[in-house]
Every structure is written in structure tokens, then in C-alpha cells.
């Protein structure tokens, strides 16, 4: 699994120059990510901020070979499979160094509302947080750190999709 991930990452990094201008604007950046869902591979290289990429990398490092990490679905579509319709991407707010962009759509006719917090790093917009704002809500960085409020709508005793694992760092 890790070899496959490394191979896909290498291919994606090789195409980075083709995507050089899409991250100059926060809305264009998110639109470019969703445009990849029309092809065979979803996502762009270098999507995450240094902070969020660090959490993703830590989760990947702590995941036993052959298993999935703490998040076992595609956060951009809030599902494992995709049939996207009615996609709308809009700027919520923007400052000199931060922005918030909302993507609303239906995936297999189920409404989704994904909120992206972006930061400007080295002249390029990067995703620093992803949240599903419709129930059941979740927050990506909190999922990756096993935070108790990663699923804000979960009641005590609920079993959320992302399960904490014993890792060397967790002890």
C-alpha cells in the first residue's frame, strides 16, 4: 500500500509544473482540485499547508502496511466513491494570508458542504483545514490527531468512522 501511495505521489509531483498557476487564487485552487475528479486521479500535488501535511504524513507513518489511516474516505467528496453533481465553489472570506472557500455539491444525490480554510505559503494557497459542515460533521485535523471533538455531532458511545489506533506516538 505504501509503495502504491509513493508511486502515485511521484506521478503527481511530476505534473506539478502543469498546475503551477492554479494555486495563485484560493477559489481557482479548489476548483482545480475538483476538476481532477472528472479524470482518473483525484487531487493535486502539494494541496496541504505545512501544518496539515505534517499531520497527514504522521498518520501515514503510523499506519501499518496494508491498512488505511485514520481517515478512510476522500475528504473532498466526503465519501469513498464519487458521482458529483451541482458543484458550486465560492469564496467565503479572504485576507492577505488566509482564505475560506466553500464547495457545495451532491455526491450520489446526497448534499455535501465542505469548507476549506486556506493559508498563503511561499506565494501559493494551501489547504490548512477541511470540514464537513452538514451532519454528521467532521474536522480533518482533529480526525488526524484523534481529538475527541473530531466528530462534533457524535454522542457518547457512538462509533465514528475514524478509529484511534495504538501508535508509537500515542503511548
C-alpha atoms as a PDB file:
ATOM      1  CA  UNK A   1       0.000   0.000   0.000  1.00  0.00           C
ATOM      2  CA  UNK A   2       2.764   2.445   0.885  1.00  0.00           C
ATOM      3  CA  UNK A   3       4.615   1.608  -2.329  1.00  0.00           C
ATOM      4  CA  UNK A   4       1.459   2.301  -4.335  1.00  0.00           C
ATOM      5  CA  UNK A   5       0.961   5.600  -2.480  1.00  0.00           C
ATOM      6  CA  UNK A   6       4.591   6.598  -3.126  1.00  0.00           C
ATOM      7  CA  UNK A   7       4.213   5.745  -6.816  1.00  0.00           C
ATOM      8  CA  UNK A   8       1.037   7.837  -7.164  1.00  0.00           C
ATOM      9  CA  UNK A   9       2.692  10.685  -5.277  1.00  0.00           C
ATOM     10  CA  UNK A  10       5.720  10.570  -7.594  1.00  0.00           C
ATOM     11  CA  UNK A  11       3.484  10.798 -10.659  1.00  0.00           C
ATOM     12  CA  UNK A  12       1.564  13.679  -9.128  1.00  0.00           C
ATOM     13  CA  UNK A  13       4.739  15.547  -8.232  1.00  0.00           C
ATOM     14  CA  UNK A  14       5.955  15.133 -11.788  1.00  0.00           C
ATOM     15  CA  UNK A  15       2.920  17.019 -13.030  1.00  0.00           C
ATOM     16  CA  UNK A  16       3.354  19.849 -10.521  1.00  0.00           C
ATOM     17  CA  UNK A  17       4.607  22.300 -13.128  1.00  0.00           C
ATOM     18  CA  UNK A  18       1.388  21.821 -15.118  1.00  0.00           C
ATOM     19  CA  UNK A  19      -0.536  23.065 -12.081  1.00  0.00           C
ATOM     20  CA  UNK A  20       1.817  25.910 -11.171  1.00  0.00           C
ATOM     21  CA  UNK A  21      -0.722  28.735 -11.605  1.00  0.00           C
ATOM     22  CA  UNK A  22      -3.844  27.131 -10.130  1.00  0.00           C
ATOM     23  CA  UNK A  23      -2.767  27.901  -6.576  1.00  0.00           C
ATOM     24  CA  UNK A  24      -2.340  31.643  -7.114  1.00  0.00           C
ATOM     25  CA  UNK A  25      -6.009  32.198  -6.180  1.00  0.00           C
ATOM     26  CA  UNK A  26      -7.893  30.282  -3.435  1.00  0.00           C
ATOM     27  CA  UNK A  27     -11.072  29.694  -5.475  1.00  0.00           C
ATOM     28  CA  UNK A  28      -9.149  28.623  -8.589  1.00  0.00           C
ATOM     29  CA  UNK A  29      -7.116  26.257  -6.434  1.00  0.00           C
ATOM     30  CA  UNK A  30     -10.189  24.498  -5.012  1.00  0.00           C
ATOM     31  CA  UNK A  31     -11.833  24.438  -8.471  1.00  0.00           C
ATOM     32  CA  UNK A  32      -8.699  22.792  -9.880  1.00  0.00           C
ATOM     33  CA  UNK A  33      -8.859  20.080  -7.210  1.00  0.00           C
ATOM     34  CA  UNK A  34     -12.477  19.276  -8.015  1.00  0.00           C
ATOM     35  CA  UNK A  35     -11.755  19.369 -11.765  1.00  0.00           C
ATOM     36  CA  UNK A  36      -9.459  16.383 -11.245  1.00  0.00           C
ATOM     37  CA  UNK A  37     -12.488  14.293 -10.253  1.00  0.00           C
ATOM     38  CA  UNK A  38     -13.514  14.281 -13.917  1.00  0.00           C
ATOM     39  CA  UNK A  39     -10.310  12.366 -14.719  1.00  0.00           C
ATOM     40  CA  UNK A  40      -8.869   9.149 -13.399  1.00  0.00           C
ATOM     41  CA  UNK A  41      -6.947  10.596 -10.442  1.00  0.00           C
ATOM     42  CA  UNK A  42      -8.317  12.981  -7.850  1.00  0.00           C
ATOM     43  CA  UNK A  43      -6.371  15.751  -6.203  1.00  0.00           C
ATOM     44  CA  UNK A  44      -3.360  17.893  -6.960  1.00  0.00           C
ATOM     45  CA  UNK A  45       0.192  17.704  -5.675  1.00  0.00           C
ATOM     46  CA  UNK A  46       1.032  19.985  -2.771  1.00  0.00           C
ATOM     47  CA  UNK A  47      -2.546  20.679  -1.681  1.00  0.00           C
ATOM     48  CA  UNK A  48      -1.989  20.945   2.050  1.00  0.00           C
ATOM     49  CA  UNK A  49      -0.303  23.542   4.238  1.00  0.00           C
ATOM     50  CA  UNK A  50       2.874  22.515   6.014  1.00  0.00           C
ATOM     51  CA  UNK A  51       0.848  22.025   9.207  1.00  0.00           C
ATOM     52  CA  UNK A  52      -1.834  19.811   7.663  1.00  0.00           C
ATOM     53  CA  UNK A  53       0.667  17.899   5.505  1.00  0.00           C
ATOM     54  CA  UNK A  54       2.636  17.159   8.665  1.00  0.00           C
ATOM     55  CA  UNK A  55      -0.463  15.603  10.232  1.00  0.00           C
ATOM     56  CA  UNK A  56      -1.166  13.572   7.071  1.00  0.00           C
ATOM     57  CA  UNK A  57       2.450  12.373   6.960  1.00  0.00           C
ATOM     58  CA  UNK A  58       2.398  11.421  10.650  1.00  0.00           C
ATOM     59  CA  UNK A  59      -0.787   9.419  10.117  1.00  0.00           C
ATOM     60  CA  UNK A  60       0.709   7.672   7.095  1.00  0.00           C
ATOM     61  CA  UNK A  61       3.899   6.879   9.013  1.00  0.00           C
ATOM     62  CA  UNK A  62       1.915   5.427  11.923  1.00  0.00           C
ATOM     63  CA  UNK A  63      -0.333   3.292   9.718  1.00  0.00           C
ATOM     64  CA  UNK A  64       0.622  -0.383   9.477  1.00  0.00           C
ATOM     65  CA  UNK A  65       1.344  -1.538   5.944  1.00  0.00           C
ATOM     66  CA  UNK A  66      -1.756  -2.778   4.169  1.00  0.00           C
ATOM     67  CA  UNK A  67      -4.131  -0.748   6.363  1.00  0.00           C
ATOM     68  CA  UNK A  68      -5.781   2.627   5.907  1.00  0.00           C
ATOM     69  CA  UNK A  69      -5.071   5.614   8.103  1.00  0.00           C
ATOM     70  CA  UNK A  70      -7.406   7.428  10.456  1.00  0.00           C
ATOM     71  CA  UNK A  71      -9.427   8.771   7.515  1.00  0.00           C
ATOM     72  CA  UNK A  72     -10.691   6.023   5.241  1.00  0.00           C
ATOM     73  CA  UNK A  73     -12.696   8.196   2.846  1.00  0.00           C
ATOM     74  CA  UNK A  74     -11.980  11.014   0.394  1.00  0.00           C
ATOM     75  CA  UNK A  75     -12.382  14.224   2.379  1.00  0.00           C
ATOM     76  CA  UNK A  76     -13.007  16.310  -0.749  1.00  0.00           C
ATOM     77  CA  UNK A  77     -16.219  14.414  -1.530  1.00  0.00           C
ATOM     78  CA  UNK A  78     -16.965  13.068   1.977  1.00  0.00           C
ATOM     79  CA  UNK A  79     -17.266   9.545   0.594  1.00  0.00           C
ATOM     80  CA  UNK A  80     -15.277   6.715  -0.936  1.00  0.00           C
ATOM     81  CA  UNK A  81     -16.952   6.834  -4.345  1.00  0.00           C
ATOM     82  CA  UNK A  82     -17.944   9.806  -6.451  1.00  0.00           C
ATOM     83  CA  UNK A  83     -20.798  10.904  -8.638  1.00  0.00           C
ATOM     84  CA  UNK A  84     -20.620  14.663  -8.275  1.00  0.00           C
ATOM     85  CA  UNK A  85     -23.406  16.967  -9.454  1.00  0.00           C
ATOM     86  CA  UNK A  86     -24.391  20.577  -8.834  1.00  0.00           C
ATOM     87  CA  UNK A  87     -20.855  21.579  -7.803  1.00  0.00           C
ATOM     88  CA  UNK A  88     -20.555  25.191  -6.668  1.00  0.00           C
ATOM     89  CA  UNK A  89     -17.378  26.696  -5.285  1.00  0.00           C
ATOM     90  CA  UNK A  90     -17.452  30.122  -3.656  1.00  0.00           C
ATOM     91  CA  UNK A  91     -15.169  32.401  -1.716  1.00  0.00           C
ATOM     92  CA  UNK A  92     -16.412  32.895   1.850  1.00  0.00           C
ATOM     93  CA  UNK A  93     -13.673  35.255   3.042  1.00  0.00           C
ATOM     94  CA  UNK A  94     -10.161  36.340   2.155  1.00  0.00           C
ATOM     95  CA  UNK A  95      -7.374  38.335   3.787  1.00  0.00           C
ATOM     96  CA  UNK A  96      -3.777  38.820   2.706  1.00  0.00           C
ATOM     97  CA  UNK A  97      -2.695  35.437   4.120  1.00  0.00           C
ATOM     98  CA  UNK A  98      -5.853  33.400   4.764  1.00  0.00           C
ATOM     99  CA  UNK A  99      -8.986  32.483   2.853  1.00  0.00           C
ATOM    100  CA  UNK A 100     -12.049  30.352   3.282  1.00  0.00           C
ATOM    101  CA  UNK A 101     -13.723  28.604   0.346  1.00  0.00           C
ATOM    102  CA  UNK A 102     -16.917  26.555   0.373  1.00  0.00           C
ATOM    103  CA  UNK A 103     -17.725  23.700  -2.006  1.00  0.00           C
ATOM    104  CA  UNK A 104     -21.347  22.586  -2.167  1.00  0.00           C
ATOM    105  CA  UNK A 105     -22.460  19.669  -4.319  1.00  0.00           C
ATOM    106  CA  UNK A 106     -24.317  16.413  -4.372  1.00  0.00           C
ATOM    107  CA  UNK A 107     -22.496  13.112  -4.323  1.00  0.00           C
ATOM    108  CA  UNK A 108     -24.803  10.290  -5.375  1.00  0.00           C
ATOM    109  CA  UNK A 109     -27.650  12.802  -4.774  1.00  0.00           C
ATOM    110  CA  UNK A 110     -26.578  13.351  -1.146  1.00  0.00           C
ATOM    111  CA  UNK A 111     -25.920  17.038  -0.286  1.00  0.00           C
ATOM    112  CA  UNK A 112     -22.387  17.928   0.809  1.00  0.00           C
ATOM    113  CA  UNK A 113     -20.982  21.181   2.139  1.00  0.00           C
ATOM    114  CA  UNK A 114     -17.212  21.211   2.505  1.00  0.00           C
ATOM    115  CA  UNK A 115     -15.449  24.225   3.999  1.00  0.00           C
ATOM    116  CA  UNK A 116     -11.776  24.817   3.245  1.00  0.00           C
ATOM    117  CA  UNK A 117      -9.513  27.062   5.322  1.00  0.00           C
ATOM    118  CA  UNK A 118      -6.531  28.095   3.237  1.00  0.00           C
ATOM    119  CA  UNK A 119      -3.255  29.816   4.065  1.00  0.00           C
ATOM    120  CA  UNK A 120      -0.787  31.542   1.796  1.00  0.00           C
ATOM    121  CA  UNK A 121       2.585  29.775   1.995  1.00  0.00           C
ATOM    122  CA  UNK A 122       5.518  30.855  -0.172  1.00  0.00           C
ATOM    123  CA  UNK A 123       3.176  32.657  -2.570  1.00  0.00           C
ATOM    124  CA  UNK A 124       0.806  29.694  -3.060  1.00  0.00           C
ATOM    125  CA  UNK A 125      -2.531  28.895  -1.455  1.00  0.00           C
ATOM    126  CA  UNK A 126      -2.603  25.681   0.570  1.00  0.00           C
ATOM    127  CA  UNK A 127      -5.388  23.904   2.451  1.00  0.00           C
ATOM    128  CA  UNK A 128      -4.912  24.219   6.209  1.00  0.00           C
ATOM    129  CA  UNK A 129      -8.226  22.654   7.275  1.00  0.00           C
ATOM    130  CA  UNK A 130     -11.163  20.792   5.751  1.00  0.00           C
ATOM    131  CA  UNK A 131     -14.559  20.436   7.431  1.00  0.00           C
ATOM    132  CA  UNK A 132     -17.849  18.840   6.503  1.00  0.00           C
ATOM    133  CA  UNK A 133     -20.421  21.327   7.759  1.00  0.00           C
ATOM    134  CA  UNK A 134     -23.519  19.148   7.274  1.00  0.00           C
ATOM    135  CA  UNK A 135     -24.323  16.421   9.796  1.00  0.00           C
ATOM    136  CA  UNK A 136     -22.501  14.253  10.553  1.00  0.00           C
ATOM    137  CA  UNK A 137     -19.861  16.972  10.716  1.00  0.00           C
ATOM    138  CA  UNK A 138     -16.118  16.283  10.928  1.00  0.00           C
ATOM    139  CA  UNK A 139     -12.873  18.271  11.020  1.00  0.00           C
ATOM    140  CA  UNK A 140      -9.858  16.826   9.218  1.00  0.00           C
ATOM    141  CA  UNK A 141      -7.017  17.925  11.515  1.00  0.00           C
ATOM    142  CA  UNK A 142      -8.943  16.704  14.544  1.00  0.00           C
ATOM    143  CA  UNK A 143      -9.507  13.325  12.873  1.00  0.00           C
ATOM    144  CA  UNK A 144      -5.785  13.045  12.220  1.00  0.00           C
ATOM    145  CA  UNK A 145      -4.969  13.814  15.868  1.00  0.00           C
ATOM    146  CA  UNK A 146      -7.730  11.684  17.430  1.00  0.00           C
ATOM    147  CA  UNK A 147      -9.262  14.781  19.037  1.00  0.00           C
ATOM    148  CA  UNK A 148     -12.427  13.984  20.989  1.00  0.00           C
ATOM    149  CA  UNK A 149     -14.377  16.637  19.053  1.00  0.00           C
ATOM    150  CA  UNK A 150     -13.332  15.431  15.579  1.00  0.00           C
ATOM    151  CA  UNK A 151     -16.990  14.463  15.016  1.00  0.00           C
ATOM    152  CA  UNK A 152     -18.840  17.335  16.757  1.00  0.00           C
ATOM    153  CA  UNK A 153     -22.258  15.653  16.356  1.00  0.00           C
ATOM    154  CA  UNK A 154     -21.221  12.304  17.824  1.00  0.00           C
ATOM    155  CA  UNK A 155     -22.884  11.318  21.066  1.00  0.00           C
ATOM    156  CA  UNK A 156     -21.065   9.389  23.788  1.00  0.00           C
ATOM    157  CA  UNK A 157     -20.921   5.736  22.748  1.00  0.00           C
ATOM    158  CA  UNK A 158     -21.174   6.498  19.017  1.00  0.00           C
ATOM    159  CA  UNK A 159     -18.608   4.707  16.912  1.00  0.00           C
ATOM    160  CA  UNK A 160     -17.286   7.200  14.354  1.00  0.00           C
ATOM    161  CA  UNK A 161     -15.737   6.020  11.079  1.00  0.00           C
ATOM    162  CA  UNK A 162     -12.223   7.084  12.041  1.00  0.00           C
ATOM    163  CA  UNK A 163     -10.930   4.929  14.859  1.00  0.00           C
ATOM    164  CA  UNK A 164      -7.890   5.718  17.003  1.00  0.00           C
ATOM    165  CA  UNK A 165      -5.057   3.255  16.706  1.00  0.00           C
ATOM    166  CA  UNK A 166      -2.223   2.402  19.006  1.00  0.00           C
ATOM    167  CA  UNK A 167       0.842   4.047  17.526  1.00  0.00           C
ATOM    168  CA  UNK A 168       4.286   4.575  18.993  1.00  0.00           C
ATOM    169  CA  UNK A 169       3.429   8.279  19.467  1.00  0.00           C
ATOM    170  CA  UNK A 170       0.150   7.516  21.231  1.00  0.00           C
ATOM    171  CA  UNK A 171       1.802   5.936  24.280  1.00  0.00           C
END
